[in-house]
Protein backbone atom coordinates (compact mmCIF):
# COMPACT_ATOMS: atom_id res chain seq x y z
CA MET A 1 4.49 -9.26 -6.55
CA TYR A 2 3.69 -11.21 -3.40
CA GLY A 3 1.98 -11.30 -0.02
CA PHE A 4 1.96 -13.36 3.18
CA GLY A 5 -0.95 -13.44 5.61
CA TYR A 6 -3.47 -15.34 7.71
CA ASP A 7 -6.69 -16.83 6.30
CA HIS A 8 -9.15 -16.98 9.20
CA SER A 9 -11.64 -19.12 7.25
CA SER A 10 -9.23 -22.06 7.05
CA ASP A 11 -6.99 -21.16 10.03
CA THR A 12 -3.93 -21.26 7.77
CA TYR A 13 -1.21 -18.95 6.54
CA LYS A 14 -0.93 -18.38 2.81
CA VAL A 15 1.58 -16.92 0.39
CA VAL A 16 0.36 -15.43 -2.90
CA ALA A 17 2.71 -14.71 -5.81
CA VAL A 18 1.76 -12.85 -9.00
CA SER A 19 4.15 -13.12 -11.94
CA TRP A 20 4.19 -11.96 -15.56
CA TYR A 21 5.39 -13.51 -18.79
CA GLU A 22 5.24 -12.72 -22.50
CA SER A 23 2.90 -14.65 -24.77
CA LEU A 24 2.33 -14.57 -28.53
CA ILE A 25 -1.31 -13.97 -29.52
CA ASN A 26 -1.97 -13.89 -33.28
CA GLY A 27 1.68 -13.08 -33.80
CA ASN A 28 1.63 -10.18 -31.34
CA ARG A 29 3.41 -10.10 -28.01
CA ALA A 30 1.18 -9.73 -24.96
CA MET A 31 1.84 -9.77 -21.24
CA LYS A 32 0.11 -12.60 -19.38
CA THR A 33 -0.36 -12.95 -15.64
CA GLN A 34 -0.04 -16.04 -13.45
CA VAL A 35 -1.29 -16.19 -9.86
CA ASN A 36 -0.06 -18.93 -7.50
CA VAL A 37 -0.99 -19.62 -3.87
CA HIS A 38 0.94 -21.68 -1.32
CA THR A 39 -0.75 -22.81 1.90
CA MET A 40 1.74 -23.31 4.71
CA GLY A 41 1.88 -26.93 5.82
CA THR A 42 1.61 -28.20 2.24
CA ASP A 43 4.46 -28.91 -0.16
CA TYR A 44 3.07 -27.45 -3.37
CA TRP A 45 1.81 -24.28 -5.07
CA ARG A 46 -1.67 -23.99 -6.60
CA ARG A 47 -2.26 -21.94 -9.74
CA ILE A 48 -5.39 -19.80 -9.40
CA GLN A 49 -7.57 -19.41 -12.48
CA THR A 50 -8.78 -15.85 -12.04
CA HIS A 51 -9.30 -12.78 -14.20
CA PHE A 52 -6.56 -10.22 -13.63
CA PRO A 53 -7.04 -7.07 -15.80
CA TYR A 54 -4.31 -5.01 -14.17
CA ARG A 55 -0.67 -4.19 -14.73
CA PHE A 56 1.81 -3.71 -11.91
CA PRO A 57 4.63 -1.27 -12.68
CA ASN A 58 6.19 -1.82 -9.25
CA THR A 59 6.64 -5.17 -7.55
CA GLY A 60 6.46 -5.61 -3.81
CA THR A 61 4.58 -7.07 -0.88
CA GLY A 62 0.84 -6.54 -0.49
CA ASN A 63 -0.63 -4.47 2.33
CA PHE A 64 -2.45 -6.96 4.58
CA VAL A 65 -5.82 -5.81 5.97
CA SER A 66 -8.85 -7.88 7.05
CA GLY A 67 -7.70 -11.07 5.35
CA THR A 68 -6.79 -9.34 2.08
CA PHE A 69 -3.65 -8.17 0.29
CA ASN A 70 -3.83 -4.74 -1.33
CA TRP A 71 -1.64 -3.10 -3.95
CA PHE A 72 -1.76 0.37 -5.50
CA GLU A 73 -1.15 -0.16 -9.17
CA ALA A 74 -2.37 0.69 -12.67
CA GLU A 75 -4.78 -0.80 -15.19
CA HIS A 76 -3.93 -2.36 -18.54
CA ARG A 77 -6.24 -0.09 -20.44
CA PHE A 78 -5.35 3.46 -21.51
CA PRO A 79 -5.39 6.06 -20.07
CA TYR A 80 -3.67 4.48 -17.09
CA THR A 81 -5.41 5.24 -13.80
CA ARG A 82 -4.27 4.23 -10.37
CA SER A 83 -6.26 1.34 -8.92
CA ILE A 84 -6.35 -0.37 -5.54
CA VAL A 85 -6.33 -4.07 -6.33
CA SER A 86 -7.35 -6.41 -3.50
CA PHE A 87 -6.82 -10.18 -3.19
CA ASP A 88 -9.08 -12.02 -0.72
CA LEU A 89 -7.34 -14.97 0.95
CA GLU A 90 -10.64 -16.74 1.70
CA THR A 91 -12.16 -16.59 -1.79
CA GLU A 92 -8.78 -16.39 -3.57
CA SER A 93 -10.13 -13.77 -5.95
CA PHE A 94 -9.34 -10.18 -6.94
CA ARG A 95 -11.49 -7.07 -6.74
CA GLU A 96 -10.97 -3.35 -7.19
CA ILE A 97 -11.49 -0.83 -4.40
CA LEU A 98 -12.26 2.78 -5.28
CA GLN A 99 -10.03 5.57 -4.06
CA PRO A 100 -11.44 8.44 -1.99
CA ASP A 101 -12.80 11.58 -3.60
CA TYR A 102 -9.82 13.92 -3.52
CA GLY A 103 -12.04 16.94 -4.05
CA GLY A 104 -10.36 18.19 -7.22
CA MET A 105 -6.86 17.98 -5.78
CA SER A 106 -4.20 17.17 -8.38
CA VAL A 107 -2.69 14.05 -6.85
CA PHE A 108 0.84 12.85 -7.61
CA SER A 109 2.59 9.71 -6.38
CA PRO A 110 -0.11 8.23 -4.10
CA ILE A 111 1.28 5.70 -1.64
CA LEU A 112 -0.70 2.83 -0.13
CA ASN A 113 0.06 1.24 3.23
CA VAL A 114 -1.58 0.12 6.48
CA MET A 115 -1.99 2.44 9.47
CA MET A 116 -4.01 1.76 12.63
CA ASP A 117 -5.04 -1.61 11.10
CA CYS A 118 -6.76 0.23 8.23
CA LEU A 119 -5.96 0.84 4.59
CA CYS A 120 -4.21 4.20 4.27
CA ILE A 121 -3.36 6.46 1.32
CA LEU A 122 -0.74 9.19 1.48
CA CYS A 123 -1.29 11.40 -1.57
CA HIS A 124 0.94 14.29 -2.62
CA GLY A 125 -0.12 17.58 -4.14
CA ASP A 126 2.11 20.42 -5.29
CA THR A 127 2.51 21.99 -1.83
CA LEU A 128 1.00 19.53 0.66
CA ALA A 129 0.07 15.91 1.32
CA ASP A 130 -3.20 14.40 2.52
CA VAL A 131 -3.55 11.27 4.66
CA TRP A 132 -6.69 9.19 4.03
CA LEU A 133 -7.91 6.20 6.05
CA MET A 134 -10.52 3.58 5.06
CA LYS A 135 -12.07 3.14 8.51
CA GLU A 136 -14.18 0.12 7.47
CA TYR A 137 -12.40 -2.14 5.02
CA GLY A 138 -14.31 -2.62 1.78
CA ASN A 139 -16.72 0.24 2.50
CA GLU A 140 -15.70 2.93 0.03
CA ASP A 141 -17.91 5.48 1.84
CA SER A 142 -15.72 5.10 4.94
CA TRP A 143 -12.71 6.91 3.43
CA ALA A 144 -11.85 9.82 5.76
CA LYS A 145 -9.18 12.49 5.42
CA LEU A 146 -7.28 12.51 8.71
CA PHE A 147 -4.53 15.04 8.01
CA ARG A 148 -3.48 17.70 5.55
CA VAL A 149 0.28 18.03 5.96
CA PRO A 150 2.24 20.95 4.47
CA TYR A 151 5.69 20.25 3.12
CA MET A 152 8.60 21.05 5.39
CA GLY A 153 10.60 24.18 4.63
CA ASP A 154 13.36 22.36 2.77
CA ALA A 155 10.95 20.31 0.64
CA ASP A 156 10.50 22.88 -2.14
CA ILE A 157 10.63 20.37 -5.01
CA PRO A 158 7.20 19.68 -6.57
CA ALA A 159 5.78 16.32 -5.52
CA ARG A 160 5.45 15.19 -9.12
CA ASN A 161 9.28 15.05 -9.19
CA PHE A 162 9.99 14.08 -5.58
CA CYS A 163 7.87 12.67 -2.73
CA PRO A 164 8.70 14.60 0.47
CA TYR A 165 6.92 11.95 2.56
CA TYR A 166 7.22 8.24 1.91
CA LYS A 167 4.71 6.72 4.30
CA ALA A 168 2.23 7.58 7.09
CA LEU A 169 3.15 5.27 9.96
CA TYR A 170 1.35 6.09 13.21
CA VAL A 171 -1.04 8.54 14.91
CA SER A 172 -0.67 9.28 18.63
CA ASN A 173 -3.52 9.97 21.04
CA ASP A 174 -2.81 13.70 20.81
CA ASP A 175 -3.01 13.66 16.99
CA GLN A 176 0.68 13.72 16.21
CA LEU A 177 1.47 11.98 12.94
CA LEU A 178 4.62 9.93 12.40
CA LEU A 179 5.80 10.13 8.79
CA GLY A 180 8.69 8.47 7.03
CA ASN A 181 10.66 9.75 4.09
CA VAL A 182 13.70 8.34 2.33
CA HIS A 183 16.11 9.81 4.88
CA GLU A 184 14.45 10.14 8.31
CA LEU A 185 11.38 9.90 10.51
CA VAL A 186 9.34 13.08 11.03
CA VAL A 187 6.62 13.89 13.58
CA TYR A 188 3.97 16.37 12.45
CA ASN A 189 2.01 18.13 15.21
CA SER A 190 -1.38 18.89 13.71
CA THR A 191 -2.28 21.21 16.60
CA ASP A 192 0.39 23.83 16.00
CA GLY A 193 1.58 22.80 12.52
CA THR A 194 5.16 22.10 13.59
CA PHE A 195 7.58 19.35 12.58
CA LYS A 196 10.18 17.42 14.53
CA ALA A 197 12.82 15.30 12.82
CA LEU A 198 13.76 12.15 14.75
CA GLY A 199 17.46 11.52 14.43
CA ILE A 200 18.29 7.81 14.08
CA GLN A 201 21.94 6.85 14.21
CA THR A 202 23.83 4.43 11.95
CA ILE A 203 21.33 4.80 9.08
CA ASN A 204 22.85 6.01 5.85
CA GLY A 205 21.24 6.37 2.44
CA ARG A 206 17.66 5.44 1.54
CA TRP A 207 15.46 3.31 3.78
CA CYS A 208 11.89 2.07 4.09
CA PRO A 209 10.40 2.20 7.64
CA GLU A 210 7.78 -0.37 8.69
CA VAL A 211 5.56 -0.76 11.76
CA TYR A 212 6.34 -3.87 13.82
CA HIS A 213 3.53 -5.75 15.62
CA ASP A 214 4.27 -8.27 18.36
CA SER A 215 2.60 -11.66 18.05
CA LEU A 216 2.40 -14.73 20.27
CA ILE A 217 1.50 -16.89 17.27
CA SER A 218 4.22 -18.63 15.30
CA PRO A 219 3.37 -19.34 11.64
CA CYS A 220 5.68 -22.37 11.87
CA SER A 221 3.87 -23.99 14.81
């Protein structure tokens, strides 16, 4: 598990890497976690001594928001509950951020990403998906449900077995939502409840769309 981002407090770019290894404790095997940070411009990694009470079933890059990396993972303790784990580049420490109140909705396969420079959760129910946005990072009262999106006509498989939508990517000024799934991009018009599939040539098989932001700053300068 890893992340790359800018630390405004030190005006540097940092890479964080979280790895796991087995350790014997009183003759029993246990998973241990190691967290290392590399500051660009240096030639070494620093091991961070920090408490890390989470497990990460899926590896991948952290979602970068407001100087923090964020992952949607699970806790060590049983029963396993989904947790948003945040790593602050300035303090080089972890914290947990609470999810929104889903209002009794049975949520399957929640997906965490960044949309409109805010932390975003796309959560699936049996027949629809909700898009939540944390409008003020770190303020758990600022979670707001932006969209409730029904599944398209051909997405009749329950979400607990298949995620019809993979990621919420962009919202236009007229409240049209760009969604990605494993095969295509889809625009949902929240005004009339219609969908439009965006055909993209030369793409075969599964894919993972990302939003690209232009920058005049080179991390290598």
